[in-house]
Protein backbone atom coordinates (compact mmCIF):
# COMPACT_ATOMS: atom_id res chain seq x y z
CA MET A 1 -53.67 32.59 203.18
CA ASP A 2 -56.96 31.46 204.76
CA PHE A 3 -58.75 33.01 201.79
CA GLU A 4 -57.07 30.45 199.51
CA THR A 5 -56.83 27.44 201.81
CA ARG A 6 -60.11 27.57 203.76
CA ILE A 7 -62.75 27.73 201.03
CA VAL A 8 -66.41 28.02 201.94
CA ALA A 9 -68.52 27.05 198.94
CA LYS A 10 -72.19 28.04 198.90
CA VAL A 11 -73.17 24.85 197.11
CA ASN A 12 -76.93 25.53 197.37
CA ALA A 13 -76.71 29.11 196.07
CA ALA A 14 -78.73 28.39 192.92
CA GLU A 15 -81.50 26.66 194.85
CA ARG A 16 -81.72 29.50 197.38
CA LEU A 17 -81.78 32.05 194.58
CA ARG A 18 -84.69 30.26 192.94
CA GLU A 19 -86.52 30.22 196.28
CA ALA A 20 -85.98 33.97 196.62
CA PHE A 21 -87.30 34.58 193.11
CA ALA A 22 -90.35 32.43 193.83
CA SER A 23 -91.39 34.60 196.76
CA PRO A 24 -94.49 36.67 195.90
CA HIS A 25 -92.79 39.63 197.60
CA TYR A 26 -89.71 39.59 195.34
CA GLU A 27 -89.42 42.39 192.77
CA ALA A 28 -86.89 42.09 189.97
CA LYS A 29 -83.78 44.25 190.27
CA SER A 30 -80.48 44.09 188.43
CA LEU A 31 -78.16 41.69 190.24
CA ASN A 32 -74.38 41.61 190.23
CA LEU A 33 -72.25 38.48 190.48
CA GLY A 34 -68.74 39.15 191.72
CA SER A 35 -69.00 42.42 193.61
CA ALA A 36 -67.78 40.95 196.92
CA THR A 37 -65.43 38.32 195.53
CA ASP A 38 -64.87 36.87 192.08
CA ALA A 39 -67.66 34.57 190.88
CA TYR A 40 -65.10 32.51 188.94
CA GLN A 41 -62.75 31.29 191.67
CA PRO A 42 -60.61 28.26 190.67
CA VAL A 43 -62.99 25.92 192.53
CA GLU A 44 -65.77 27.05 190.17
CA ARG A 45 -64.27 24.79 187.49
CA ARG A 46 -65.25 21.80 189.61
CA LEU A 47 -68.35 22.97 191.48
CA ALA A 48 -69.97 25.11 188.74
CA ILE A 49 -71.95 27.09 191.33
CA THR A 50 -71.87 30.28 189.28
CA ARG A 51 -73.02 28.42 186.19
CA ARG A 52 -76.02 26.99 188.05
CA VAL A 53 -76.85 30.47 189.36
CA ILE A 54 -76.79 31.81 185.80
CA GLU A 55 -79.05 28.95 184.71
CA VAL A 56 -81.62 30.12 187.28
CA LEU A 57 -81.25 33.71 186.09
CA ALA A 58 -81.74 32.57 182.50
CA LYS A 59 -84.85 30.49 183.25
CA CYS A 60 -86.38 33.39 185.16
CA ALA A 61 -85.34 36.01 182.58
CA HIS A 62 -83.69 37.94 185.40
CA PRO A 63 -81.13 40.65 184.47
CA PHE A 64 -77.60 40.46 185.87
CA THR A 65 -74.03 41.67 185.49
CA VAL A 66 -70.83 39.72 186.13
CA VAL A 67 -67.65 41.38 187.42
CA THR A 68 -64.61 39.12 187.09
CA LYS A 69 -60.87 39.02 186.51
CA SER A 70 -61.08 35.42 185.26
CA SER A 71 -61.36 33.96 181.79
CA GLY A 72 -63.73 31.40 183.34
CA VAL A 73 -66.66 33.56 182.27
CA GLU A 74 -66.01 32.43 178.68
CA ARG A 75 -67.22 28.94 179.65
CA ASP A 76 -70.72 30.30 180.26
CA LEU A 77 -71.13 32.22 177.02
CA ASP A 78 -73.69 29.66 175.87
CA LEU A 79 -75.95 30.92 178.67
CA ILE A 80 -74.94 34.58 178.62
CA VAL A 81 -75.18 35.33 174.89
CA PRO A 82 -78.89 34.43 174.53
CA MET A 83 -79.62 36.64 177.54
CA VAL A 84 -77.68 39.50 175.98
CA GLY A 85 -80.01 39.30 173.00
CA ARG A 86 -82.88 39.99 175.40
CA HIS A 87 -81.04 42.83 177.20
CA LEU A 88 -80.60 40.72 180.33
CA ALA A 89 -76.82 40.41 180.79
CA SER A 90 -73.53 42.26 180.65
CA VAL A 91 -69.97 41.57 181.84
CA ILE A 92 -67.25 43.71 183.39
CA VAL A 93 -63.65 42.50 183.37
CA SER A 94 -61.27 43.80 186.04
CA VAL A 95 -57.90 44.95 184.67
CA THR A 96 -55.78 46.71 187.28
CA THR A 97 -52.56 47.09 185.31
CA LEU A 98 -50.85 46.12 182.05
CA ASP A 99 -47.60 45.39 183.88
CA ALA A 100 -47.42 41.59 184.17
CA ALA A 101 -44.81 41.73 186.95
CA LEU A 102 -46.93 44.12 189.01
CA ALA A 103 -50.02 42.02 188.36
CA ARG A 104 -48.28 38.93 189.78
CA ILE A 105 -47.54 40.86 192.98
CA LEU A 106 -50.89 42.62 193.17
CA GLU A 107 -53.12 39.68 192.20
CA PRO A 108 -51.10 36.47 192.44
CA ARG A 109 -52.49 33.46 190.61
CA ALA A 110 -55.14 35.56 188.85
CA ALA A 111 -55.23 35.74 185.04
CA SER A 112 -52.52 37.88 183.47
CA PRO A 113 -53.41 41.32 182.06
CA ALA A 114 -52.96 39.99 178.53
CA ARG A 115 -55.34 37.10 179.22
CA ARG A 116 -57.98 39.45 180.64
CA LEU A 117 -57.78 41.62 177.54
CA ARG A 118 -58.31 38.51 175.42
CA THR A 119 -61.40 37.76 177.50
CA ILE A 120 -62.71 41.26 176.77
CA ALA A 121 -62.10 40.65 173.07
CA THR A 122 -63.81 37.24 173.19
CA LEU A 123 -66.86 38.69 174.92
CA ALA A 124 -67.04 41.64 172.53
CA ARG A 125 -66.85 39.36 169.47
CA ALA A 126 -69.72 37.31 170.92
CA GLY A 127 -71.80 40.48 171.14
CA VAL A 128 -71.71 40.74 174.93
CA PRO A 129 -71.77 44.31 176.32
CA VAL A 130 -68.42 44.31 178.12
CA GLY A 131 -66.80 46.93 180.30
CA VAL A 132 -63.53 47.28 182.18
CA SER A 133 -63.01 47.97 185.87
CA VAL A 134 -59.69 49.63 186.75
CA SER A 135 -60.06 48.95 190.44
CA PRO A 136 -58.65 49.48 192.94
CA VAL A 137 -56.63 52.50 191.88
CA ILE A 138 -53.62 52.57 194.22
CA PRO A 139 -51.63 55.83 194.26
CA PHE A 140 -48.09 55.45 192.88
CA ILE A 141 -48.60 51.69 192.29
CA ASN A 142 -51.04 51.08 189.45
CA GLU A 143 -52.43 54.63 189.26
CA PRO A 144 -49.83 55.75 186.67
CA ASP A 145 -51.13 52.98 184.38
CA LEU A 146 -54.74 54.21 184.37
CA GLU A 147 -54.88 55.67 180.86
CA ARG A 148 -52.97 52.77 179.29
CA VAL A 149 -55.35 50.22 180.80
CA LEU A 150 -58.37 52.11 179.52
CA ALA A 151 -56.84 52.38 176.05
CA ALA A 152 -55.99 48.67 175.88
CA ALA A 153 -59.46 47.69 177.08
CA ALA A 154 -61.15 49.97 174.55
CA GLU A 155 -59.01 48.52 171.77
CA ALA A 156 -60.01 45.00 172.87
CA GLY A 157 -63.69 45.90 172.60
CA ALA A 158 -64.78 47.31 175.97
CA GLY A 159 -67.55 49.88 175.69
CA THR A 160 -67.77 51.05 179.28
CA ALA A 161 -65.37 51.64 182.17
CA PHE A 162 -65.26 52.58 185.82
CA ALA A 163 -62.57 53.00 188.47
CA ILE A 164 -62.70 52.84 192.27
CA VAL A 165 -59.96 54.20 194.51
CA LEU A 166 -58.32 51.94 197.06
CA ARG A 167 -60.52 51.15 200.06
CA LEU A 168 -59.09 49.75 203.30
CA PRO A 169 -61.95 48.63 205.57
CA TRP A 170 -61.41 46.51 208.66
CA GLU A 171 -58.68 43.85 208.43
CA VAL A 172 -57.94 44.74 204.79
CA ASN A 173 -56.06 47.79 206.07
CA THR A 174 -53.52 45.77 208.05
CA ILE A 175 -53.08 43.22 205.27
CA PHE A 176 -52.57 45.89 202.62
CA GLN A 177 -50.06 47.91 204.62
CA ARG A 178 -48.07 44.75 205.35
CA TRP A 179 -48.11 43.92 201.62
CA LEU A 180 -47.09 47.48 200.78
CA GLU A 181 -44.10 47.44 203.13
CA GLN A 182 -43.03 44.07 201.79
CA HIS A 183 -43.15 44.88 198.09
CA PHE A 184 -42.82 48.68 197.90
CA PRO A 185 -40.92 49.88 200.99
CA ASP A 186 -39.49 52.82 199.02
CA ARG A 187 -42.93 54.35 198.46
CA ALA A 188 -45.12 52.88 201.20
CA ALA A 189 -45.23 56.12 203.17
CA ARG A 190 -46.14 58.13 200.06
CA VAL A 191 -48.92 55.72 199.15
CA MET A 192 -50.51 55.84 202.58
CA ALA A 193 -50.15 59.62 202.79
CA ARG A 194 -52.08 59.96 199.53
CA VAL A 195 -54.71 57.45 200.66
CA ARG A 196 -55.25 59.44 203.86
CA GLU A 197 -55.41 62.67 201.88
CA MET A 198 -58.33 61.23 199.89
CA HIS A 199 -60.13 60.06 203.03
CA GLY A 200 -60.01 63.11 205.25
CA GLY A 201 -56.83 62.10 207.07
CA ARG A 202 -58.04 58.56 207.79
CA ASP A 203 -57.01 55.26 206.26
CA TYR A 204 -60.64 54.67 205.25
CA ASP A 205 -63.80 56.72 204.94
CA SER A 206 -66.89 54.51 205.00
CA ARG A 207 -69.34 57.17 203.83
CA PHE A 208 -71.33 56.08 200.80
CA GLY A 209 -69.98 57.73 197.66
CA ALA A 210 -66.83 59.09 199.27
CA ARG A 211 -65.46 55.60 199.93
CA MET A 212 -65.51 54.79 196.20
CA ARG A 213 -64.10 58.06 194.83
CA GLY A 214 -62.25 59.77 197.64
CA GLU A 215 -62.24 63.52 198.15
CA GLY A 216 -59.81 66.38 197.75
CA VAL A 217 -57.48 67.70 195.06
CA TRP A 218 -55.83 64.39 194.18
CA ALA A 219 -59.12 62.50 193.97
CA ASP A 220 -60.53 65.26 191.74
CA ARG A 221 -57.51 65.11 189.43
CA LEU A 222 -57.77 61.34 189.22
CA ALA A 223 -61.44 61.63 188.27
CA GLN A 224 -60.58 64.21 185.61
CA ARG A 225 -57.92 61.94 184.14
CA PHE A 226 -60.39 59.05 184.04
CA HIS A 227 -63.19 61.03 182.39
CA LYS A 228 -60.89 62.64 179.83
CA ALA A 229 -59.42 59.27 178.87
CA CYS A 230 -62.89 57.72 178.53
CA ALA A 231 -64.06 60.62 176.36
CA ARG A 232 -61.01 60.33 174.12
CA LEU A 233 -61.41 56.56 173.77
CA GLY A 234 -65.18 56.57 173.26
CA LEU A 235 -65.89 54.73 176.50
CA ASN A 236 -69.16 55.22 178.42
CA ARG A 237 -70.91 56.89 175.48
CA GLN A 238 -73.80 54.48 175.79
CA ARG A 239 -75.14 53.11 179.04
CA VAL A 240 -76.04 49.42 179.16
CA GLU A 241 -79.67 49.25 180.25
CA LEU A 242 -80.90 45.86 181.41
CA ASP A 243 -84.59 44.98 181.10
CA LEU A 244 -86.40 44.30 184.38
CA THR A 245 -89.79 43.72 182.80
CA GLN A 246 -89.20 40.18 181.49
CA PHE A 247 -88.80 38.53 184.91
CA LYS A 248 -90.75 35.27 185.21
CA ARG A 249 -91.40 34.18 188.78
CA PRO A 250 -90.69 30.45 189.17
CA GLN A 251 -93.38 28.20 190.58
CA ARG A 252 -93.29 27.53 194.30
CA PHE A 253 -93.41 23.99 195.66
CA ARG A 254 -94.58 22.65 199.01
CA LYS A 255 -92.34 20.37 201.08
CA ASP A 256 -94.26 17.36 199.71
CA GLY A 257 -93.22 18.35 196.18
CA GLN A 258 -96.63 19.60 195.09
CA ALA A 259 -96.84 22.96 193.33
CA GLU A 260 -98.56 25.77 195.23
CA LEU A 261 -101.56 27.18 193.39
CA PHE A 262 -101.79 30.43 195.36
C-alpha cells in the first residue's frame, strides 16, 4: 500500500528536463513517458507534472511516446495533436484484459477495460497514432484473453500492439505470489510453474530480451498467437517513426538569469 499512500512527486521534472535538453552534449532520442510507472497517476490531476513535461517536449520539438492505462492522457490532446502532425508523438494504451472483474483484481482503481478502449477510440479519432500494450501476460490469468484484447483494441482504432510476459524482479516477486495465492489459489502453482518454464526454471530471468519474451515452447506459442492475431487484425503493418531532426535546444541561463551566449 506504500505505493498508493506514500507518493513521491517529482515536482521539478519539467525544469530538470529542460536543463538536460539545454546541455550542449544532449542528442535527441525518442523518449517514453510511463515505462516505469504510469505518467497519469491520480495526483497528476492536481499537480500536472506530466503536462508540464509535455509542454517542454513541445517547445523543444522533442519526440516522445506515452504509455498509460489512464484516460487522463485525453486532457493533454491539445498539446499532443499538434506534435503528431509533426511526427513527434504517439500513445500506447495498456489493456490487460476485457474482463472487468479480473481488471478490478489485477489493477484496482485503474480505468476499466471499456474506458481504456474509449480512450483508444478518442485518440484515434483525433489522429493520434495509438497502440495497445497487452502487458503483462500472465499464464492462465489474462493470457487466455490475448486475442480478444487485440481484436477490441484494433476495432477501437489501435494501429500497433505489443505484449510482454510477466516479469517478477526483486520485491515484485513476493508481492505477486502473495496476490496470486489470495485471488487464484486454485491455479497459483500452475501459473508459477509456467512462469519458471519461460525463465529457465527461475522466477525471473534478467537477461535483456529474454526477460520481456521468455523462452521455451510456451513462450514460442504465445508469440505465435500474438503475431497471428496481429496479422489477422491488421496491427503492426506500419511502424510509427518519430522525427528526431526537429529538436530545438532551449537557451541556457546563468544563475543570475542572463542567457549564455556560448
